[in-house]
Amino acid sequence: MEIYQIDAFTKKPFCGNSAGVTFGDNLNDEIKQKIAKEMNLAETAFLSKSDKADYKLQWFTPAVEVELCGHATIASLHFLKEHSLLKNGQTITFDTRSGILKCKMEDDKYFMQIPLYKMENYNGERANIFSALGITEANLAENIPMLLLENTNLYICLKSLNDLKNVSPNFKDLVKISEQNKKISGFALFTLQTIEGSNFAHSRYFVPYWGVDEDPVTGSVNGPLLMVLKYLDLITDEQMTKGLVFEQGDFMDRSGRVGVKFFPQENELYILGDAVTVIKGEMTF
């Protein structure tokens, strides 16, 4: 079977976040999981037939199937474009574990709809979380609370790029926190300092509970980050609808850029970005 490795949220090979992508018809979930483990990437995506949408889309880490994956969806759109199944101006839908997601290609950019999540201020396990992340209160941006989203990602704002760069988590301790509190599975740290002046925020994402210690560039974190910033009154409605660009992956030598835009009339949130194919191969089993 044909399988691609595609770098998402970048135009440059060996940057952004890599995903495996293949067609998944006639493959059961056990085989899909084995393929994802063999690929050993953050996620491998499987496109198959659906009677609810244009395609069924599943994402597997080397360990588990996940509810949502941004970079592997952007990679899947690129995979379809490479197979002449998607073109500029076209909108398609994916049937996923997170519901029906709308995606499209416009001006050679790939757009993916991201669910809108409820969020709340969070102050639990503060000492344990900071200890596991290797940060202290002194690293935090002033007067910005932690936010927990219903998708189990905890957002923490740090005061500077240097503070973010120097974060050195104890992954075993992070797993323990997630095992004890099922409401938290991922830790999204961000700062409003950026490497490039035209961008708005820089983030890092740790999710060892799902088998990924640090993810290079995460669409499903950067998309909701726009809504987090609005909840915290750090951006305006105009900035939301005009769109912002977030940075991630630079400290892993996998720099990626994620555009995020909110469409108020439709009440829809989208991430957007580029992708590039780095490997085209065949898998036999």
Protein backbone atom coordinates (compact mmCIF):
# COMPACT_ATOMS: atom_id res chain seq x y z
CA MET A 1 0.00 0.00 0.00
CA GLU A 2 1.09 3.55 -0.75
CA ILE A 3 1.98 5.77 2.20
CA TYR A 4 3.37 9.32 2.35
CA GLN A 5 5.27 11.23 4.99
CA ILE A 6 4.29 14.89 4.86
CA ASP A 7 5.58 17.89 6.82
CA ALA A 8 2.69 20.20 7.78
CA PHE A 9 2.66 23.91 8.66
CA THR A 10 5.75 24.56 6.58
CA LYS A 11 6.93 24.90 2.99
CA LYS A 12 10.38 23.57 3.88
CA PRO A 13 11.18 19.85 4.16
CA PHE A 14 12.32 18.71 7.60
CA CYS A 15 10.44 21.52 9.35
CA GLY A 16 6.92 21.70 10.78
CA ASN A 17 5.29 18.50 12.01
CA SER A 18 5.49 15.18 10.16
CA ALA A 19 2.52 12.91 9.62
CA GLY A 20 2.03 9.67 7.78
CA VAL A 21 -0.95 9.61 5.41
CA THR A 22 -2.50 6.73 3.50
CA PHE A 23 -5.83 5.37 2.31
CA GLY A 24 -7.38 3.20 4.99
CA ASP A 25 -10.11 1.26 3.19
CA ASN A 26 -9.97 -2.48 3.96
CA LEU A 27 -7.76 -1.86 7.01
CA ASN A 28 -9.11 -2.56 10.48
CA ASP A 29 -8.19 -0.40 13.45
CA GLU A 30 -5.72 -2.96 14.78
CA ILE A 31 -3.73 -2.82 11.55
CA LYS A 32 -3.96 0.99 11.45
CA GLN A 33 -2.50 1.09 14.95
CA LYS A 34 0.35 -1.22 13.93
CA ILE A 35 1.09 0.97 10.89
CA ALA A 36 1.14 4.09 13.09
CA LYS A 37 3.54 2.37 15.47
CA GLU A 38 5.74 1.34 12.53
CA MET A 39 5.76 4.89 11.13
CA ASN A 40 6.67 6.15 14.62
CA LEU A 41 5.47 9.68 13.90
CA ALA A 42 3.33 11.83 16.20
CA GLU A 43 0.30 10.80 14.11
CA THR A 44 -0.51 8.75 11.04
CA ALA A 45 -3.76 9.60 9.24
CA PHE A 46 -6.06 7.16 7.42
CA LEU A 47 -8.55 8.29 4.77
CA SER A 48 -11.40 5.96 3.93
CA LYS A 49 -14.93 5.94 2.50
CA SER A 50 -17.77 7.51 4.47
CA ASP A 51 -21.51 7.73 4.03
CA LYS A 52 -21.59 10.84 6.24
CA ALA A 53 -18.91 12.99 4.60
CA ASP A 54 -16.49 13.05 1.68
CA TYR A 55 -14.04 10.92 3.66
CA LYS A 56 -13.70 9.24 7.01
CA LEU A 57 -10.51 10.46 8.70
CA GLN A 58 -8.76 8.76 11.62
CA TRP A 59 -5.58 9.73 13.44
CA PHE A 60 -3.34 7.31 15.33
CA THR A 61 -0.30 8.02 17.47
CA PRO A 62 2.14 5.11 17.89
CA ALA A 63 0.10 4.19 20.97
CA VAL A 64 -3.58 5.18 20.53
CA GLU A 65 -6.25 6.61 18.26
CA VAL A 66 -6.89 10.28 19.07
CA GLU A 67 -9.95 12.53 18.90
CA LEU A 68 -8.41 15.30 16.80
CA CYS A 69 -5.15 16.09 15.03
CA GLY A 70 -4.53 19.31 13.16
CA HIS A 71 -1.20 18.71 11.45
CA ALA A 72 -2.17 15.25 10.19
CA THR A 73 -5.37 16.74 8.73
CA ILE A 74 -3.40 19.46 6.93
CA ALA A 75 -1.12 16.66 5.70
CA SER A 76 -4.17 14.68 4.57
CA LEU A 77 -5.41 17.64 2.53
CA HIS A 78 -2.00 17.86 0.90
CA PHE A 79 -2.10 14.10 0.23
CA LEU A 80 -5.46 14.48 -1.52
CA LYS A 81 -4.15 17.41 -3.54
CA GLU A 82 -1.12 15.32 -4.58
CA HIS A 83 -3.57 12.67 -5.82
CA SER A 84 -5.62 15.28 -7.75
CA LEU A 85 -8.55 14.79 -5.35
CA LEU A 86 -8.48 18.36 -4.00
CA LYS A 87 -7.96 21.65 -5.81
CA ASN A 88 -7.99 25.37 -5.06
CA GLY A 89 -11.43 26.66 -4.11
CA GLN A 90 -12.74 23.25 -3.14
CA THR A 91 -14.37 22.44 0.21
CA ILE A 92 -14.53 18.88 1.55
CA THR A 93 -15.78 17.26 4.75
CA PHE A 94 -14.24 14.65 7.03
CA ASP A 95 -16.15 12.28 9.31
CA THR A 96 -14.02 12.14 12.49
CA ARG A 97 -14.23 11.25 16.17
CA SER A 98 -14.65 14.99 16.75
CA GLY A 99 -17.64 15.18 14.40
CA ILE A 100 -17.93 16.37 10.81
CA LEU A 101 -15.09 18.79 10.04
CA LYS A 102 -15.10 21.17 7.09
CA CYS A 103 -11.82 21.69 5.26
CA LYS A 104 -10.86 23.55 2.13
CA MET A 105 -8.04 24.74 -0.07
CA GLU A 106 -7.79 28.43 -0.92
CA ASP A 107 -4.85 30.27 -2.53
CA ASP A 108 -2.72 27.14 -2.12
CA LYS A 109 -3.33 27.14 1.66
CA TYR A 110 -5.01 24.28 3.49
CA PHE A 111 -7.83 25.19 5.89
CA MET A 112 -9.17 22.92 8.62
CA GLN A 113 -12.14 23.60 10.88
CA ILE A 114 -11.38 23.29 14.58
CA PRO A 115 -14.11 22.64 17.16
CA LEU A 116 -15.01 25.41 19.60
CA TYR A 117 -14.32 24.23 23.14
CA LYS A 118 -15.64 25.40 26.47
CA MET A 119 -12.94 26.66 28.83
CA GLU A 120 -12.54 27.67 32.45
CA ASN A 121 -9.97 29.14 34.79
CA TYR A 122 -8.02 26.34 36.46
CA ASN A 123 -6.01 26.42 39.66
CA GLY A 124 -5.83 22.78 40.75
CA GLU A 125 -2.63 20.76 41.29
CA ARG A 126 -0.71 23.98 40.74
CA ALA A 127 2.43 22.95 42.63
CA ASN A 128 2.52 19.48 41.07
CA ILE A 129 1.96 20.82 37.54
CA PHE A 130 4.67 23.46 37.85
CA SER A 131 7.10 20.96 39.35
CA ALA A 132 6.45 18.44 36.55
CA LEU A 133 6.90 21.15 33.91
CA GLY A 134 10.05 22.49 35.52
CA ILE A 135 8.68 26.01 35.93
CA THR A 136 7.95 28.33 38.85
CA GLU A 137 5.53 31.18 39.52
CA ALA A 138 8.32 33.55 38.43
CA ASN A 139 8.09 32.15 34.88
CA LEU A 140 4.41 33.00 34.52
CA ALA A 141 3.01 36.02 32.73
CA GLU A 142 1.45 38.34 35.31
CA ASN A 143 -2.30 38.25 35.92
CA ILE A 144 -3.02 35.61 33.26
CA PRO A 145 -4.71 32.51 34.75
CA MET A 146 -4.29 28.94 33.57
CA LEU A 147 -7.17 27.80 31.37
CA LEU A 148 -8.46 24.25 31.05
CA LEU A 149 -10.38 23.37 27.87
CA GLU A 150 -12.97 20.64 27.62
CA ASN A 151 -10.64 18.82 25.19
CA THR A 152 -8.34 18.26 28.24
CA ASN A 153 -5.59 20.71 27.22
CA LEU A 154 -4.29 23.05 29.91
CA TYR A 155 -3.03 26.44 28.66
CA ILE A 156 -0.33 28.26 30.64
CA CYS A 157 1.05 31.66 29.63
CA LEU A 158 4.75 32.31 30.32
CA LYS A 159 6.26 35.77 30.38
CA SER A 160 9.00 35.39 27.75
CA LEU A 161 10.44 33.30 24.93
CA ASN A 162 13.42 32.55 27.12
CA ASP A 163 11.17 31.16 29.86
CA LEU A 164 9.42 29.01 27.26
CA LYS A 165 12.68 27.82 25.71
CA ASN A 166 14.05 26.73 29.08
CA VAL A 167 11.04 24.61 30.04
CA SER A 168 12.32 21.09 30.77
CA PRO A 169 9.48 18.79 31.85
CA ASN A 170 9.61 15.55 33.77
CA PHE A 171 7.45 13.51 31.41
CA LYS A 172 6.83 10.69 33.87
CA ASP A 173 5.44 13.19 36.36
CA LEU A 174 3.22 14.73 33.66
CA VAL A 175 1.84 11.27 32.88
CA LYS A 176 1.07 10.75 36.58
CA ILE A 177 -0.88 14.01 36.68
CA SER A 178 -2.91 12.94 33.64
CA GLU A 179 -3.51 9.48 35.09
CA GLN A 180 -4.79 10.97 38.35
CA ASN A 181 -6.83 13.75 36.72
CA LYS A 182 -8.49 12.63 33.48
CA LYS A 183 -9.47 16.25 32.77
CA ILE A 184 -5.86 17.09 31.85
CA SER A 185 -4.00 15.19 29.15
CA GLY A 186 -1.97 17.91 27.41
CA PHE A 187 0.01 20.92 28.56
CA ALA A 188 0.06 23.88 26.16
CA LEU A 189 2.56 26.53 27.19
CA PHE A 190 2.69 29.81 25.29
CA THR A 191 4.12 33.32 25.37
CA LEU A 192 3.22 36.52 23.58
CA GLN A 193 6.87 37.07 22.71
CA THR A 194 7.69 35.78 19.22
CA ILE A 195 10.70 35.04 17.04
CA GLU A 196 9.19 36.86 14.06
CA GLY A 197 7.66 40.26 14.68
CA SER A 198 4.66 39.67 12.42
CA ASN A 199 3.48 36.69 14.51
CA PHE A 200 1.46 36.90 17.72
CA ALA A 201 2.40 34.01 20.03
CA HIS A 202 4.83 31.12 20.41
CA SER A 203 3.84 27.79 21.94
CA ARG A 204 5.11 24.40 23.07
CA TYR A 205 2.93 21.35 23.66
CA PHE A 206 3.63 18.37 25.93
CA VAL A 207 1.36 15.32 25.82
CA PRO A 208 3.30 12.27 27.13
CA TYR A 209 0.02 10.71 28.31
CA TRP A 210 -0.80 10.06 24.63
CA GLY A 211 2.71 8.85 23.81
CA VAL A 212 4.13 12.15 22.50
CA ASP A 213 6.51 13.89 24.90
CA GLU A 214 6.60 17.10 22.86
CA ASP A 215 4.75 17.74 19.63
CA PRO A 216 6.61 20.00 17.17
CA VAL A 217 3.68 21.97 15.65
CA THR A 218 0.12 21.34 16.82
CA GLY A 219 -2.90 22.62 14.92
CA SER A 220 -5.36 21.41 17.56
CA VAL A 221 -3.52 23.52 20.15
CA ASN A 222 -2.88 26.64 18.09
CA GLY A 223 -6.46 26.79 16.79
CA PRO A 224 -8.09 26.98 20.24
CA LEU A 225 -5.28 29.33 21.34
CA LEU A 226 -7.06 32.09 19.39
CA MET A 227 -10.17 31.57 21.54
CA VAL A 228 -8.03 31.35 24.69
CA LEU A 229 -6.50 34.74 23.88
CA LYS A 230 -9.97 36.22 23.33
CA TYR A 231 -11.25 34.72 26.60
CA LEU A 232 -8.30 36.37 28.36
CA ASP A 233 -9.02 39.72 26.63
CA LEU A 234 -5.59 39.70 24.99
CA ILE A 235 -6.92 40.18 21.43
CA THR A 236 -9.80 42.01 19.77
CA ASP A 237 -12.68 40.72 17.66
CA GLU A 238 -11.01 42.38 14.66
CA GLN A 239 -7.81 40.42 15.22
CA MET A 240 -9.81 37.19 15.44
CA THR A 241 -11.58 37.74 12.13
CA LYS A 242 -8.52 39.10 10.35
CA GLY A 243 -6.50 36.13 11.59
CA LEU A 244 -3.25 35.65 13.49
CA VAL A 245 -0.16 33.50 12.98
CA PHE A 246 1.30 31.44 15.80
CA GLU A 247 4.79 29.91 16.04
CA GLN A 248 5.82 26.49 17.30
CA GLY A 249 8.61 23.96 16.86
CA ASP A 250 11.58 26.32 16.68
CA PHE A 251 13.13 24.96 19.89
CA MET A 252 12.96 21.45 18.38
CA ASP A 253 14.55 22.58 15.09
CA ARG A 254 11.15 21.94 13.42
CA SER A 255 9.88 25.49 12.98
CA GLY A 256 6.27 25.74 11.86
CA ARG A 257 3.71 28.51 11.44
CA VAL A 258 -0.03 28.08 12.01
CA GLY A 259 -2.55 30.62 10.78
CA VAL A 260 -5.77 30.84 12.78
CA LYS A 261 -8.93 32.68 11.79
CA PHE A 262 -12.45 32.98 13.18
CA PHE A 263 -15.50 33.47 10.96
CA PRO A 264 -18.16 35.12 13.20
CA GLN A 265 -21.14 34.80 10.85
CA GLU A 266 -20.67 31.03 10.62
CA ASN A 267 -19.29 30.80 14.20
CA GLU A 268 -16.47 28.66 12.82
CA LEU A 269 -12.79 28.48 13.73
CA TYR A 270 -10.14 27.45 11.19
CA ILE A 271 -6.44 26.76 11.19
CA LEU A 272 -4.52 27.16 7.94
CA GLY A 273 -1.08 26.36 6.68
CA ASP A 274 1.21 24.82 4.11
CA ALA A 275 2.55 21.29 3.67
CA VAL A 276 5.29 19.51 1.75
CA THR A 277 5.78 15.82 0.92
CA VAL A 278 9.15 14.43 2.02
CA ILE A 279 8.70 10.67 1.49
CA LYS A 280 6.57 8.62 -0.90
CA GLY A 281 6.74 4.93 -0.13
CA GLU A 282 5.08 1.54 -0.20
CA MET A 283 4.29 -0.55 2.84
CA THR A 284 3.98 -4.32 2.53
CA PHE A 285 2.60 -6.72 5.13
